[in-house]
Amino acid sequence: MVSAKDALLRRSWRKDTYLISTDPSLIPVDELNKVFGSEVFYWADALPESVMTETLKNSLCFGLYDLDPSALVSDRREDEETLKLIGFARCITDFTTFVFLTDVYVDPLLQGKGLGAWLITCVQESIESMPYLRRSMLFTSDWKRSVPFYAKLMGMEVVECNEEADGEESKGAAIMQYKGPAFPANL
């Protein structure tokens, strides 16, 4: 029998020439580390390869890949399916009651095509498959774009922010949560 965790680590979705997969073995660690070390990934830094590998192994990761052969550069054999990493999301989780979403990224050249929304929809679909989930959470300092985005796609609500709102827009960071089916009724 397949455990709930194993089922979550074997999910995939396809759309046009794109693939989202939770299989951590598909993630090219060196490519992801380049993203972590880039200026567009401003909230984190590259990690030693062994640390990045361990991080991925201990998380629920969503790799977003381009399957279009004309967009791929690879030295793999022709008979192997070639994937180009173009996006990523990572969930720190016990695979049962709690999820913390972090490290959400889509290649800036491909933003505005709905790929980020699709990625987060797949994350939320996986989260909603956890019958004992109490809550999922995330932290964002991009109030203007992120708060409405995650509220719409994940049903998240702001539970705390470190600075008072100034007009319609907060200047501070926000903690957001989605209440799962096992969220305590007395809270």
Protein backbone atom coordinates (compact mmCIF):
# COMPACT_ATOMS: atom_id res chain seq x y z
CA MET A 1 0.00 0.00 0.00
CA VAL A 2 1.27 3.47 -0.93
CA SER A 3 1.55 5.89 1.99
CA ALA A 4 0.08 9.39 1.81
CA LYS A 5 3.62 10.78 1.74
CA ASP A 6 4.68 8.51 -1.13
CA ALA A 7 1.55 9.48 -3.07
CA LEU A 8 2.36 13.18 -2.62
CA LEU A 9 5.92 12.58 -3.84
CA ARG A 10 4.68 10.97 -7.06
CA ARG A 11 2.24 13.57 -8.39
CA SER A 12 2.51 15.25 -11.75
CA TRP A 13 0.50 17.58 -13.94
CA ARG A 14 0.91 18.45 -17.64
CA LYS A 15 -0.22 21.53 -19.52
CA ASP A 16 0.85 22.30 -23.09
CA THR A 17 4.64 21.76 -23.12
CA TYR A 18 4.98 22.10 -19.34
CA LEU A 19 5.21 19.58 -16.51
CA ILE A 20 4.91 20.01 -12.76
CA SER A 21 6.22 17.11 -10.71
CA THR A 22 6.74 16.43 -7.02
CA ASP A 23 9.39 13.81 -7.78
CA PRO A 24 12.52 15.22 -6.10
CA SER A 25 14.81 13.05 -8.24
CA LEU A 26 13.88 15.14 -11.30
CA ILE A 27 15.15 18.40 -9.81
CA PRO A 28 18.55 19.36 -11.22
CA VAL A 29 20.29 20.44 -8.01
CA ASP A 30 22.95 22.48 -9.79
CA GLU A 31 20.34 24.37 -11.85
CA LEU A 32 18.22 25.07 -8.77
CA ASN A 33 21.27 26.25 -6.87
CA LYS A 34 22.01 28.72 -9.69
CA VAL A 35 18.50 30.10 -9.21
CA PHE A 36 19.04 30.33 -5.43
CA GLY A 37 22.26 32.26 -6.07
CA SER A 38 20.72 34.68 -8.55
CA GLU A 39 19.54 38.24 -7.91
CA VAL A 40 15.92 37.35 -8.72
CA PHE A 41 15.89 34.87 -5.84
CA TYR A 42 16.58 37.66 -3.34
CA TRP A 43 15.32 35.89 -0.21
CA ALA A 44 17.91 33.08 -0.14
CA ASP A 45 21.40 32.12 -1.27
CA ALA A 46 22.89 29.13 -3.02
CA LEU A 47 23.72 26.20 -0.75
CA PRO A 48 26.43 23.56 -0.84
CA GLU A 49 25.19 20.78 -3.14
CA SER A 50 24.92 18.25 -0.31
CA VAL A 51 22.86 20.70 1.78
CA MET A 52 20.57 21.51 -1.16
CA THR A 53 20.08 17.79 -1.84
CA GLU A 54 19.18 17.16 1.80
CA THR A 55 16.81 20.16 1.79
CA LEU A 56 14.99 18.80 -1.24
CA LYS A 57 14.89 15.29 0.19
CA ASN A 58 13.22 16.56 3.37
CA SER A 59 10.58 18.69 1.65
CA LEU A 60 7.63 18.37 -0.70
CA CYS A 61 9.00 20.04 -3.83
CA PHE A 62 7.20 21.08 -6.99
CA GLY A 63 9.45 21.36 -10.02
CA LEU A 64 8.05 23.25 -13.02
CA TYR A 65 9.66 22.09 -16.26
CA ASP A 66 9.55 23.03 -19.93
CA LEU A 67 9.23 19.95 -22.14
CA ASP A 68 9.50 21.84 -25.45
CA PRO A 69 12.50 20.27 -27.21
CA SER A 70 13.32 23.54 -28.98
CA ALA A 71 13.71 25.26 -25.59
CA LEU A 72 15.98 22.65 -24.11
CA VAL A 73 19.71 22.54 -23.87
CA SER A 74 21.01 19.26 -22.57
CA ASP A 75 23.76 16.72 -22.94
CA ARG A 76 21.43 13.83 -22.09
CA ARG A 77 20.96 10.95 -24.47
CA GLU A 78 18.19 11.39 -27.04
CA ASP A 79 16.11 8.55 -25.59
CA GLU A 80 15.83 10.26 -22.18
CA GLU A 81 13.05 12.75 -21.56
CA THR A 82 14.71 16.12 -21.13
CA LEU A 83 13.39 18.62 -18.64
CA LYS A 84 14.33 22.27 -18.28
CA LEU A 85 13.66 23.64 -14.79
CA ILE A 86 11.73 26.91 -15.13
CA GLY A 87 9.99 27.12 -11.76
CA PHE A 88 9.94 25.73 -8.28
CA ALA A 89 8.00 25.71 -5.01
CA ARG A 90 8.95 23.97 -1.78
CA CYS A 91 6.77 22.90 1.12
CA ILE A 92 8.26 22.17 4.51
CA THR A 93 5.82 19.63 5.89
CA ASP A 94 5.18 16.59 8.04
CA PHE A 95 2.99 15.34 5.13
CA THR A 96 0.03 15.12 7.49
CA THR A 97 -0.92 18.16 9.59
CA PHE A 98 1.22 21.14 8.62
CA VAL A 99 2.68 22.78 5.49
CA PHE A 100 4.92 25.85 5.20
CA LEU A 101 5.19 27.09 1.61
CA THR A 102 8.49 28.72 0.67
CA ASP A 103 10.94 29.29 -2.20
CA VAL A 104 8.30 29.92 -4.88
CA TYR A 105 9.97 30.88 -8.15
CA VAL A 106 9.13 31.13 -11.85
CA ASP A 107 11.73 32.17 -14.42
CA PRO A 108 11.23 35.94 -14.91
CA LEU A 109 11.25 35.47 -18.71
CA LEU A 110 8.18 33.24 -18.40
CA GLN A 111 6.21 35.23 -15.83
CA GLY A 112 2.85 36.57 -16.93
CA LYS A 113 1.90 33.34 -18.74
CA GLY A 114 -0.09 31.83 -15.86
CA LEU A 115 2.64 29.33 -14.95
CA GLY A 116 3.01 30.66 -11.39
CA ALA A 117 -0.74 30.47 -10.84
CA TRP A 118 -0.75 26.92 -12.20
CA LEU A 119 2.18 25.97 -9.95
CA ILE A 120 0.41 27.30 -6.85
CA THR A 121 -2.87 25.65 -7.88
CA CYS A 122 -1.01 22.31 -7.99
CA VAL A 123 0.52 23.02 -4.57
CA GLN A 124 -2.93 23.80 -3.16
CA GLU A 125 -4.44 20.68 -4.73
CA SER A 126 -1.78 18.62 -2.96
CA ILE A 127 -2.34 20.43 0.33
CA GLU A 128 -6.08 19.84 0.10
CA SER A 129 -5.47 16.10 -0.31
CA MET A 130 -4.20 15.96 3.30
CA PRO A 131 -7.29 15.01 5.37
CA TYR A 132 -5.63 15.79 8.71
CA LEU A 133 -4.12 19.12 7.68
CA ARG A 134 -4.56 21.76 10.37
CA ARG A 135 -3.01 24.62 8.43
CA SER A 136 -0.65 25.70 5.73
CA MET A 137 1.30 28.92 6.06
CA LEU A 138 3.66 31.21 4.24
CA PHE A 139 5.62 34.37 4.89
CA THR A 140 5.86 37.16 2.33
CA SER A 141 7.34 40.63 2.24
CA ASP A 142 5.77 41.39 -1.15
CA TRP A 143 2.41 42.62 0.13
CA LYS A 144 1.18 44.18 -3.11
CA ARG A 145 1.60 41.11 -5.36
CA SER A 146 1.77 38.11 -3.04
CA VAL A 147 -1.02 38.67 -0.54
CA PRO A 148 -3.81 38.95 -3.17
CA PHE A 149 -2.21 36.13 -5.23
CA TYR A 150 -2.14 33.60 -2.37
CA ALA A 151 -5.51 34.73 -1.03
CA LYS A 152 -7.10 34.04 -4.42
CA LEU A 153 -5.34 30.79 -5.33
CA MET A 154 -4.95 29.17 -1.92
CA GLY A 155 -7.70 30.73 0.16
CA MET A 156 -5.07 32.12 2.52
CA GLU A 157 -5.71 34.94 4.95
CA VAL A 158 -3.26 37.32 6.60
CA VAL A 159 -2.92 36.34 10.26
CA GLU A 160 -0.15 38.74 11.17
CA CYS A 161 1.93 41.48 9.67
CA ASN A 162 4.86 43.23 11.29
CA GLU A 163 3.82 46.75 10.32
CA GLU A 164 0.53 48.60 10.22
CA ALA A 165 -1.12 49.07 6.86
CA ASP A 166 -0.50 52.44 5.25
CA GLY A 167 -3.63 53.12 3.23
CA GLU A 168 -4.41 50.04 1.14
CA GLU A 169 -0.88 48.69 1.07
CA SER A 170 1.24 47.38 3.93
CA LYS A 171 4.92 48.19 4.02
CA GLY A 172 5.68 45.20 6.24
CA ALA A 173 5.83 41.46 5.96
CA ALA A 174 2.79 39.22 6.22
CA ILE A 175 2.20 35.75 7.60
CA MET A 176 -0.65 34.03 5.79
CA GLN A 177 -2.49 30.80 6.56
CA TYR A 178 -4.99 28.40 5.03
CA LYS A 179 -7.12 26.49 7.52
CA GLY A 180 -7.25 22.82 6.64
CA PRO A 181 -10.01 20.33 7.40
CA ALA A 182 -8.49 19.47 10.81
CA PHE A 183 -8.07 23.09 11.94
CA PRO A 184 -9.20 23.20 15.59
CA ALA A 185 -12.75 24.53 15.86
CA ASN A 186 -11.96 26.33 19.13
CA LEU A 187 -9.36 28.65 17.57
